[in-house]
Amino acid sequence: MLSEYVQRWELTPDGEPIVTATSQLMPVRWRGARAMLKVAVVEEERVGASLMTWWNGDGAQVRVVAEVARLDVDRLLAWVLAWAALSAAFSLEDGTAPDGALRIAELAVAESGR
């Protein structure tokens, strides 16, 4: 599964694959920079990945979601933080790094300060 993405994104493997209950990961290099390829294998992880991909570091999109869903932005961000905390707890329980969940939490916290 990982080789498909390594080839598609022109990555260079930089370590052994890591398989967890929720994801397959591999240390890689992208244009010389160290990175981690992560492919989710369970729905919860896919949802988190989709959110991060869609958000792409631009919290303005969360305001669009809040407006369309008729939600208060702070309430939506609180939900995102709660989800991230739960996801991080599940990762730690499974013995895996909660990096993705923590990154989502960072984005939510940064956006809530705007």
N, C-alpha and C. Protein backbone atom coordinates (compact mmCIF):
# COMPACT_ATOMS: atom_id res chain seq x y z
N MET A 1 0.82 -1.19 0.00
CA MET A 1 0.00 0.00 0.00
C MET A 1 0.87 1.26 0.00
N LEU A 2 1.91 1.30 0.83
CA LEU A 2 2.75 2.48 0.92
C LEU A 2 3.52 2.75 -0.37
N SER A 3 3.93 1.69 -1.05
CA SER A 3 4.74 1.86 -2.27
C SER A 3 3.98 2.66 -3.33
N GLU A 4 2.67 2.50 -3.38
CA GLU A 4 1.86 3.26 -4.33
C GLU A 4 2.02 4.76 -4.09
N TYR A 5 1.99 5.19 -2.84
CA TYR A 5 2.10 6.60 -2.50
C TYR A 5 3.54 7.10 -2.63
N VAL A 6 4.49 6.25 -2.29
CA VAL A 6 5.91 6.61 -2.44
C VAL A 6 6.17 6.93 -3.90
N GLN A 7 5.66 6.10 -4.78
CA GLN A 7 5.87 6.30 -6.22
C GLN A 7 5.08 7.51 -6.72
N ARG A 8 3.82 7.62 -6.34
CA ARG A 8 2.95 8.70 -6.82
C ARG A 8 3.51 10.07 -6.45
N TRP A 9 4.03 10.20 -5.22
CA TRP A 9 4.49 11.50 -4.74
C TRP A 9 5.99 11.67 -4.82
N GLU A 10 6.66 10.73 -5.50
CA GLU A 10 8.10 10.79 -5.71
C GLU A 10 8.85 10.94 -4.39
N LEU A 11 8.52 10.08 -3.44
CA LEU A 11 9.17 10.06 -2.14
C LEU A 11 10.32 9.08 -2.16
N THR A 12 11.26 9.27 -1.24
CA THR A 12 12.36 8.34 -1.07
C THR A 12 12.24 7.72 0.31
N PRO A 13 12.07 6.40 0.40
CA PRO A 13 12.00 5.77 1.72
C PRO A 13 13.25 6.11 2.54
N ASP A 14 13.04 6.37 3.84
CA ASP A 14 14.14 6.77 4.71
C ASP A 14 14.08 6.00 6.03
N GLY A 15 13.55 4.79 5.97
CA GLY A 15 13.42 3.96 7.15
C GLY A 15 12.45 2.83 6.89
N GLU A 16 12.27 2.01 7.88
CA GLU A 16 11.37 0.86 7.75
C GLU A 16 9.92 1.27 7.97
N PRO A 17 8.98 0.60 7.28
CA PRO A 17 7.55 0.87 7.50
C PRO A 17 7.16 0.54 8.94
N ILE A 18 6.18 1.28 9.43
CA ILE A 18 5.63 1.08 10.76
C ILE A 18 4.14 0.79 10.58
N VAL A 19 3.68 -0.32 11.11
CA VAL A 19 2.28 -0.69 10.97
C VAL A 19 1.63 -0.64 12.35
N THR A 20 0.54 0.12 12.45
CA THR A 20 -0.22 0.20 13.70
C THR A 20 -1.63 -0.32 13.43
N ALA A 21 -2.44 -0.33 14.45
CA ALA A 21 -3.82 -0.78 14.29
C ALA A 21 -4.63 0.18 13.43
N THR A 22 -4.18 1.42 13.30
CA THR A 22 -4.97 2.42 12.58
C THR A 22 -4.33 2.96 11.32
N SER A 23 -3.01 2.75 11.15
CA SER A 23 -2.30 3.38 10.03
C SER A 23 -1.08 2.57 9.62
N GLN A 24 -0.61 2.90 8.43
CA GLN A 24 0.69 2.43 7.97
C GLN A 24 1.53 3.69 7.76
N LEU A 25 2.73 3.69 8.32
CA LEU A 25 3.60 4.86 8.25
C LEU A 25 4.96 4.46 7.70
N MET A 26 5.67 5.45 7.15
CA MET A 26 7.03 5.21 6.68
C MET A 26 7.80 6.53 6.69
N PRO A 27 8.97 6.53 7.34
CA PRO A 27 9.83 7.70 7.23
C PRO A 27 10.27 7.84 5.77
N VAL A 28 10.17 9.04 5.24
CA VAL A 28 10.52 9.29 3.83
C VAL A 28 11.26 10.63 3.72
N ARG A 29 11.75 10.85 2.53
CA ARG A 29 12.30 12.17 2.18
C ARG A 29 11.50 12.66 0.98
N TRP A 30 11.15 13.93 1.04
CA TRP A 30 10.44 14.58 -0.06
C TRP A 30 11.25 15.80 -0.44
N ARG A 31 11.79 15.74 -1.65
CA ARG A 31 12.67 16.81 -2.14
C ARG A 31 13.80 17.08 -1.14
N GLY A 32 14.30 16.02 -0.53
CA GLY A 32 15.41 16.11 0.41
C GLY A 32 15.01 16.37 1.85
N ALA A 33 13.78 16.79 2.08
CA ALA A 33 13.32 17.09 3.45
C ALA A 33 12.75 15.84 4.09
N ARG A 34 13.03 15.67 5.38
CA ARG A 34 12.48 14.53 6.11
C ARG A 34 10.98 14.71 6.28
N ALA A 35 10.25 13.61 6.14
CA ALA A 35 8.80 13.64 6.28
C ALA A 35 8.34 12.26 6.74
N MET A 36 7.07 12.16 7.04
CA MET A 36 6.48 10.87 7.42
C MET A 36 5.25 10.65 6.54
N LEU A 37 5.27 9.57 5.81
CA LEU A 37 4.12 9.15 5.02
C LEU A 37 3.19 8.37 5.94
N LYS A 38 1.93 8.76 5.98
CA LYS A 38 0.96 8.07 6.82
C LYS A 38 -0.27 7.76 5.98
N VAL A 39 -0.64 6.48 5.94
CA VAL A 39 -1.84 6.06 5.23
C VAL A 39 -2.78 5.44 6.26
N ALA A 40 -3.93 6.06 6.42
CA ALA A 40 -4.91 5.59 7.40
C ALA A 40 -5.60 4.33 6.89
N VAL A 41 -5.84 3.40 7.82
CA VAL A 41 -6.53 2.16 7.45
C VAL A 41 -7.85 2.00 8.19
N VAL A 42 -8.20 2.96 9.05
CA VAL A 42 -9.50 2.94 9.72
C VAL A 42 -10.19 4.27 9.47
N GLU A 43 -11.50 4.26 9.52
CA GLU A 43 -12.30 5.42 9.17
C GLU A 43 -11.97 6.65 10.01
N GLU A 44 -11.80 6.48 11.31
CA GLU A 44 -11.52 7.63 12.18
C GLU A 44 -10.27 8.37 11.74
N GLU A 45 -9.24 7.63 11.40
CA GLU A 45 -8.00 8.25 10.93
C GLU A 45 -8.18 8.91 9.57
N ARG A 46 -8.99 8.30 8.70
CA ARG A 46 -9.24 8.90 7.38
C ARG A 46 -9.96 10.23 7.53
N VAL A 47 -10.90 10.31 8.45
CA VAL A 47 -11.63 11.56 8.68
C VAL A 47 -10.67 12.65 9.14
N GLY A 48 -9.78 12.30 10.08
CA GLY A 48 -8.79 13.27 10.55
C GLY A 48 -7.87 13.71 9.44
N ALA A 49 -7.46 12.80 8.60
CA ALA A 49 -6.58 13.13 7.47
C ALA A 49 -7.31 14.04 6.49
N SER A 50 -8.58 13.76 6.25
CA SER A 50 -9.37 14.59 5.34
C SER A 50 -9.49 16.02 5.87
N LEU A 51 -9.71 16.14 7.17
CA LEU A 51 -9.81 17.46 7.78
C LEU A 51 -8.50 18.22 7.61
N MET A 52 -7.38 17.57 7.90
CA MET A 52 -6.09 18.24 7.77
C MET A 52 -5.79 18.62 6.33
N THR A 53 -6.12 17.74 5.40
CA THR A 53 -5.89 18.03 3.98
C THR A 53 -6.74 19.22 3.55
N TRP A 54 -8.00 19.19 3.95
CA TRP A 54 -8.91 20.26 3.54
C TRP A 54 -8.53 21.57 4.19
N TRP A 55 -8.17 21.52 5.48
CA TRP A 55 -7.80 22.73 6.22
C TRP A 55 -6.53 23.33 5.67
N ASN A 56 -5.55 22.48 5.34
CA ASN A 56 -4.30 22.89 4.69
C ASN A 56 -3.66 24.11 5.34
N GLY A 57 -3.73 24.18 6.67
CA GLY A 57 -3.10 25.30 7.37
C GLY A 57 -3.87 26.59 7.31
N ASP A 58 -5.04 26.58 6.68
CA ASP A 58 -5.83 27.81 6.53
C ASP A 58 -7.11 27.69 7.34
N GLY A 59 -7.09 28.23 8.53
CA GLY A 59 -8.24 28.13 9.42
C GLY A 59 -9.47 28.87 8.93
N ALA A 60 -9.34 29.72 7.91
CA ALA A 60 -10.51 30.44 7.41
C ALA A 60 -11.59 29.47 6.95
N GLN A 61 -11.19 28.30 6.50
CA GLN A 61 -12.17 27.34 6.01
C GLN A 61 -13.06 26.84 7.13
N VAL A 62 -12.56 26.81 8.36
CA VAL A 62 -13.40 26.36 9.46
C VAL A 62 -14.54 27.34 9.67
N ARG A 63 -14.32 28.60 9.37
CA ARG A 63 -15.39 29.60 9.49
C ARG A 63 -16.48 29.35 8.44
N VAL A 64 -16.08 28.91 7.26
CA VAL A 64 -17.06 28.57 6.23
C VAL A 64 -17.91 27.39 6.69
N VAL A 65 -17.28 26.37 7.23
CA VAL A 65 -18.01 25.20 7.73
C VAL A 65 -18.99 25.63 8.82
N ALA A 66 -18.52 26.46 9.74
CA ALA A 66 -19.38 26.91 10.83
C ALA A 66 -20.58 27.67 10.30
N GLU A 67 -20.34 28.53 9.32
CA GLU A 67 -21.44 29.32 8.77
C GLU A 67 -22.45 28.43 8.04
N VAL A 68 -21.97 27.54 7.21
CA VAL A 68 -22.86 26.66 6.46
C VAL A 68 -23.65 25.75 7.39
N ALA A 69 -22.99 25.26 8.44
CA ALA A 69 -23.65 24.35 9.39
C ALA A 69 -24.43 25.12 10.46
N ARG A 70 -24.37 26.44 10.38
CA ARG A 70 -25.04 27.30 11.36
C ARG A 70 -24.59 26.99 12.79
N LEU A 71 -23.26 26.89 12.93
CA LEU A 71 -22.65 26.64 14.23
C LEU A 71 -21.80 27.83 14.63
N ASP A 72 -21.67 28.03 15.91
CA ASP A 72 -20.75 29.02 16.43
C ASP A 72 -19.33 28.52 16.17
N VAL A 73 -18.46 29.38 15.66
CA VAL A 73 -17.09 28.97 15.33
C VAL A 73 -16.38 28.40 16.55
N ASP A 74 -16.51 29.07 17.69
CA ASP A 74 -15.83 28.57 18.89
C ASP A 74 -16.35 27.21 19.30
N ARG A 75 -17.64 26.99 19.11
CA ARG A 75 -18.20 25.67 19.46
C ARG A 75 -17.65 24.60 18.52
N LEU A 76 -17.55 24.91 17.25
CA LEU A 76 -16.99 23.97 16.29
C LEU A 76 -15.53 23.67 16.63
N LEU A 77 -14.76 24.71 16.95
CA LEU A 77 -13.35 24.50 17.30
C LEU A 77 -13.23 23.68 18.59
N ALA A 78 -14.15 23.88 19.53
CA ALA A 78 -14.14 23.07 20.75
C ALA A 78 -14.39 21.61 20.41
N TRP A 79 -15.29 21.35 19.46
CA TRP A 79 -15.55 19.98 19.02
C TRP A 79 -14.29 19.38 18.38
N VAL A 80 -13.62 20.17 17.54
CA VAL A 80 -12.40 19.70 16.89
C VAL A 80 -11.34 19.36 17.95
N LEU A 81 -11.20 20.22 18.95
CA LEU A 81 -10.23 19.95 20.02
C LEU A 81 -10.60 18.68 20.80
N ALA A 82 -11.89 18.51 21.08
CA ALA A 82 -12.33 17.31 21.80
C ALA A 82 -12.04 16.06 20.97
N TRP A 83 -12.33 16.12 19.68
CA TRP A 83 -12.06 14.98 18.80
C TRP A 83 -10.56 14.69 18.78
N ALA A 84 -9.75 15.75 18.68
CA ALA A 84 -8.30 15.55 18.62
C ALA A 84 -7.79 14.91 19.91
N ALA A 85 -8.32 15.34 21.05
CA ALA A 85 -7.90 14.76 22.33
C ALA A 85 -8.28 13.29 22.40
N LEU A 86 -9.48 12.96 21.97
CA LEU A 86 -9.93 11.57 21.99
C LEU A 86 -9.08 10.72 21.04
N SER A 87 -8.82 11.25 19.86
CA SER A 87 -8.00 10.53 18.89
C SER A 87 -6.58 10.32 19.42
N ALA A 88 -6.03 11.35 20.06
CA ALA A 88 -4.69 11.22 20.65
C ALA A 88 -4.68 10.15 21.74
N ALA A 89 -5.74 10.13 22.55
CA ALA A 89 -5.83 9.12 23.62
C ALA A 89 -5.90 7.72 23.03
N PHE A 90 -6.68 7.55 21.97
CA PHE A 90 -6.77 6.24 21.31
C PHE A 90 -5.40 5.83 20.76
N SER A 91 -4.70 6.77 20.15
CA SER A 91 -3.38 6.48 19.59
C SER A 91 -2.43 6.02 20.69
N LEU A 92 -2.41 6.76 21.79
CA LEU A 92 -1.52 6.40 22.90
C LEU A 92 -1.88 5.04 23.48
N GLU A 93 -3.19 4.77 23.56
CA GLU A 93 -3.64 3.48 24.06
C GLU A 93 -3.17 2.34 23.15
N ASP A 94 -3.14 2.62 21.83
CA ASP A 94 -2.69 1.62 20.86
C ASP A 94 -1.17 1.56 20.76
N GLY A 95 -0.49 2.46 21.47
CA GLY A 95 0.97 2.49 21.41
C GLY A 95 1.52 3.19 20.20
N THR A 96 0.72 4.06 19.60
CA THR A 96 1.18 4.80 18.42
C THR A 96 1.29 6.29 18.76
N ALA A 97 2.05 7.00 17.96
CA ALA A 97 2.23 8.43 18.17
C ALA A 97 0.97 9.19 17.77
N PRO A 98 0.54 10.14 18.58
CA PRO A 98 -0.68 10.89 18.28
C PRO A 98 -0.41 12.15 17.44
N ASP A 99 0.60 12.11 16.59
CA ASP A 99 1.02 13.31 15.87
C ASP A 99 -0.09 13.99 15.07
N GLY A 100 -0.87 13.23 14.32
CA GLY A 100 -1.93 13.81 13.51
C GLY A 100 -2.97 14.52 14.36
N ALA A 101 -3.40 13.87 15.42
CA ALA A 101 -4.39 14.47 16.31
C ALA A 101 -3.85 15.74 16.96
N LEU A 102 -2.58 15.70 17.36
CA LEU A 102 -1.99 16.88 17.99
C LEU A 102 -1.85 18.03 17.01
N ARG A 103 -1.57 17.73 15.75
CA ARG A 103 -1.48 18.79 14.73
C ARG A 103 -2.84 19.42 14.51
N ILE A 104 -3.90 18.61 14.49
CA ILE A 104 -5.25 19.15 14.35
C ILE A 104 -5.57 20.04 15.54
N ALA A 105 -5.19 19.62 16.74
CA ALA A 105 -5.43 20.44 17.93
C ALA A 105 -4.68 21.77 17.82
N GLU A 106 -3.44 21.73 17.33
CA GLU A 106 -2.67 22.97 17.15
C GLU A 106 -3.39 23.93 16.21
N LEU A 107 -3.90 23.40 15.10
CA LEU A 107 -4.61 24.24 14.15
C LEU A 107 -5.86 24.86 14.78
N ALA A 108 -6.59 24.06 15.54
CA ALA A 108 -7.81 24.56 16.18
C ALA A 108 -7.49 25.65 17.21
N VAL A 109 -6.46 25.43 18.01
CA VAL A 109 -6.07 26.41 19.01
C VAL A 109 -5.63 27.71 18.34
N ALA A 110 -4.83 27.59 17.29
CA ALA A 110 -4.37 28.78 16.57
C ALA A 110 -5.55 29.56 15.99
N GLU A 111 -6.52 28.84 15.46
CA GLU A 111 -7.68 29.50 14.87
C GLU A 111 -8.56 30.13 15.95
N SER A 112 -8.67 29.52 17.10
CA SER A 112 -9.55 30.06 18.14
C SER A 112 -9.01 31.37 18.70
N GLY A 113 -7.72 31.65 18.49
CA GLY A 113 -7.14 32.89 18.95
C GLY A 113 -7.32 34.05 17.99
N ARG A 114 -7.94 33.80 16.87
CA ARG A 114 -8.11 34.87 15.85
C ARG A 114 -9.30 35.73 16.14
